[in-house]
Protein backbone atom coordinates (compact mmCIF):
# COMPACT_ATOMS: atom_id res chain seq x y z
CA MET A 1 6.49 29.79 -6.94
CA THR A 2 8.15 27.51 -4.02
CA ASN A 3 8.82 23.77 -4.90
CA ALA A 4 8.53 21.03 -2.75
CA LYS A 5 11.63 19.60 -1.26
CA GLU A 6 12.86 17.03 1.07
CA GLY A 7 11.46 18.08 4.76
CA ASP A 8 8.54 19.99 3.31
CA THR A 9 5.10 18.94 4.60
CA VAL A 10 2.83 18.68 1.64
CA LYS A 11 -0.95 18.00 1.07
CA VAL A 12 -1.70 16.15 -2.47
CA HIS A 13 -4.46 14.28 -4.26
CA TYR A 14 -3.80 11.43 -6.10
CA ILE A 15 -5.16 8.54 -7.76
CA GLY A 16 -3.13 5.16 -7.91
CA THR A 17 -4.17 2.81 -10.45
CA PHE A 18 -2.48 -0.64 -12.06
CA ALA A 19 -1.08 -0.93 -15.18
CA ASP A 20 -4.39 -2.07 -16.66
CA GLY A 21 -6.07 1.07 -15.16
CA THR A 22 -8.02 -0.44 -12.43
CA VAL A 23 -7.93 1.96 -9.28
CA PHE A 24 -6.69 0.65 -6.08
CA ASP A 25 -6.53 3.83 -4.03
CA THR A 26 -7.60 7.30 -4.26
CA SER A 27 -7.94 10.75 -2.27
CA GLU A 28 -10.78 11.82 -4.28
CA GLY A 29 -13.88 12.75 -2.22
CA LYS A 30 -11.60 12.87 0.55
CA ASP A 31 -9.26 15.39 2.21
CA PRO A 32 -5.87 15.54 0.68
CA LEU A 33 -3.16 13.08 1.64
CA THR A 34 -0.74 14.68 4.20
CA PHE A 35 2.80 13.85 4.66
CA THR A 36 6.46 14.92 5.13
CA ILE A 37 8.88 14.61 2.28
CA GLY A 38 11.51 12.12 2.91
CA ALA A 39 10.21 11.07 6.66
CA GLY A 40 9.26 7.57 5.25
CA ASP A 41 5.41 8.20 5.48
CA VAL A 42 4.28 7.09 2.01
CA ILE A 43 6.39 4.64 -0.43
CA PRO A 44 9.64 5.74 -1.77
CA GLY A 45 8.66 6.28 -5.23
CA PHE A 46 5.59 8.18 -4.57
CA ASP A 47 7.76 10.48 -2.12
CA SER A 48 10.40 11.38 -4.55
CA ALA A 49 8.28 11.97 -7.13
CA VAL A 50 6.54 15.05 -5.48
CA VAL A 51 9.87 16.67 -5.04
CA GLY A 52 10.20 19.88 -7.13
CA MET A 53 6.46 20.07 -7.65
CA ALA A 54 4.74 23.41 -7.28
CA LYS A 55 1.07 23.99 -5.73
CA GLY A 56 -1.22 23.18 -8.66
CA ASP A 57 1.13 21.26 -10.50
CA ASN A 58 -0.59 17.77 -11.76
CA LYS A 59 1.94 14.69 -12.44
CA GLU A 60 1.65 10.95 -13.73
CA ILE A 61 4.38 8.48 -12.31
CA GLN A 62 5.08 5.11 -12.53
CA VAL A 63 6.45 3.40 -9.59
CA SER A 64 8.18 -0.02 -9.97
CA MET A 65 7.67 -2.49 -7.16
CA ASP A 66 11.11 -1.98 -5.67
CA GLU A 67 10.23 1.64 -5.09
CA ALA A 68 6.78 0.73 -3.87
CA TYR A 69 6.01 -2.36 -1.80
CA GLY A 70 8.75 -4.64 -2.73
CA PRO A 71 8.54 -7.97 -4.15
CA HIS A 72 6.04 -10.89 -3.32
CA HIS A 73 7.72 -13.45 -1.16
CA ASP A 74 6.51 -17.03 -1.73
CA GLU A 75 7.95 -17.77 1.64
CA LEU A 76 5.38 -15.43 3.65
CA VAL A 77 2.61 -17.41 2.18
CA LEU A 78 1.33 -19.97 4.39
CA THR A 79 -1.57 -22.97 3.77
CA ILE A 80 -3.10 -24.01 7.36
CA GLU A 81 -5.90 -26.15 8.41
CA ARG A 82 -9.05 -24.38 9.07
CA GLU A 83 -8.98 -25.81 12.51
CA HIS A 84 -6.06 -23.83 13.39
CA LEU A 85 -8.15 -20.41 12.92
CA PRO A 86 -10.12 -18.96 16.03
CA MET A 87 -13.49 -20.84 16.16
CA GLU A 88 -15.44 -17.14 15.56
CA THR A 89 -13.71 -16.53 12.42
CA ASP A 90 -15.31 -17.76 9.09
CA PRO A 91 -12.66 -17.22 6.63
CA MET A 92 -13.20 -15.55 3.02
CA GLU A 93 -10.91 -14.27 0.64
CA GLY A 94 -9.74 -11.20 1.05
CA MET A 95 -10.29 -10.85 4.51
CA MET A 96 -7.25 -9.67 6.84
CA LEU A 97 -6.33 -11.16 10.18
CA GLN A 98 -3.92 -10.66 12.79
CA ALA A 99 -1.44 -13.46 13.35
CA HIS A 100 0.73 -13.87 16.55
CA LEU A 101 4.34 -15.12 15.69
CA ARG A 102 6.30 -17.33 18.22
CA ASP A 103 8.48 -14.30 18.94
CA GLY A 104 5.48 -12.37 20.12
CA GLN A 105 4.98 -10.22 17.03
CA THR A 106 1.80 -9.29 15.34
CA VAL A 107 1.58 -9.11 11.54
CA MET A 108 -1.48 -8.54 9.45
CA VAL A 109 -2.06 -11.57 6.81
CA GLN A 110 -4.68 -11.90 3.94
CA ILE A 111 -6.59 -14.77 3.05
CA THR A 112 -6.02 -15.61 -0.48
CA ASP A 113 -7.84 -19.15 -0.75
CA VAL A 114 -10.38 -20.72 1.16
CA THR A 115 -11.23 -24.72 0.99
CA ASP A 116 -13.33 -26.85 3.19
CA ASP A 117 -10.09 -27.90 4.72
CA SER A 118 -7.72 -25.45 4.77
CA VAL A 119 -6.85 -21.80 4.41
CA THR A 120 -4.08 -19.82 2.49
CA LEU A 121 -2.42 -16.88 4.65
CA ASP A 122 -0.52 -14.46 2.86
CA ALA A 123 1.93 -12.07 4.69
CA ASN A 124 3.45 -9.80 1.81
CA HIS A 125 1.51 -6.37 1.48
CA PRO A 126 -1.47 -6.89 -0.62
CA LEU A 127 0.55 -4.39 -3.35
CA ALA A 128 3.73 -6.22 -3.15
CA GLY A 129 4.85 -7.59 -6.54
CA ARG A 130 3.23 -4.77 -8.30
CA ASP A 131 4.23 -2.05 -10.40
CA LEU A 132 2.16 1.05 -9.64
CA LYS A 133 0.81 4.37 -11.57
CA PHE A 134 -0.10 7.54 -9.84
CA GLN A 135 -1.65 10.84 -10.98
CA ILE A 136 -0.76 13.13 -8.21
CA THR A 137 -2.13 16.91 -7.82
CA LEU A 138 0.01 18.97 -5.33
CA MET A 139 -2.44 21.07 -3.76
CA GLU A 140 -0.27 22.71 -0.88
CA ILE A 141 3.08 23.05 0.79
CA VAL A 142 2.40 23.68 4.27
């Protein structure tokens, strides 16, 4: 039986959970996730966990924040006055927006708090600062 190695394209089904068991993402009910091991398509901890698996193998892994989306950076959280949002925006917690930086770059930010006067924006990845668990089933080595 062939084992997955760096450079192989694989198809996996997965369930991603937090430590308390809350599911944050899954491929259940969808096509398997297809990626090339070592190409940077998925977070490093997930990528390395598939190495050595054979078709049909199941594995449960824990991925530290350092091998996932990194730590949460407080300097990427900013509170602005509501009047600085586009007029057509009715801000709600959890909403994702595009922010344009002074250097012309565009970044995605998540609204994490809304008051009558202000909105708090977080440019961290929504899973930054979190340790993650995955249940992985290798469906195919392409």
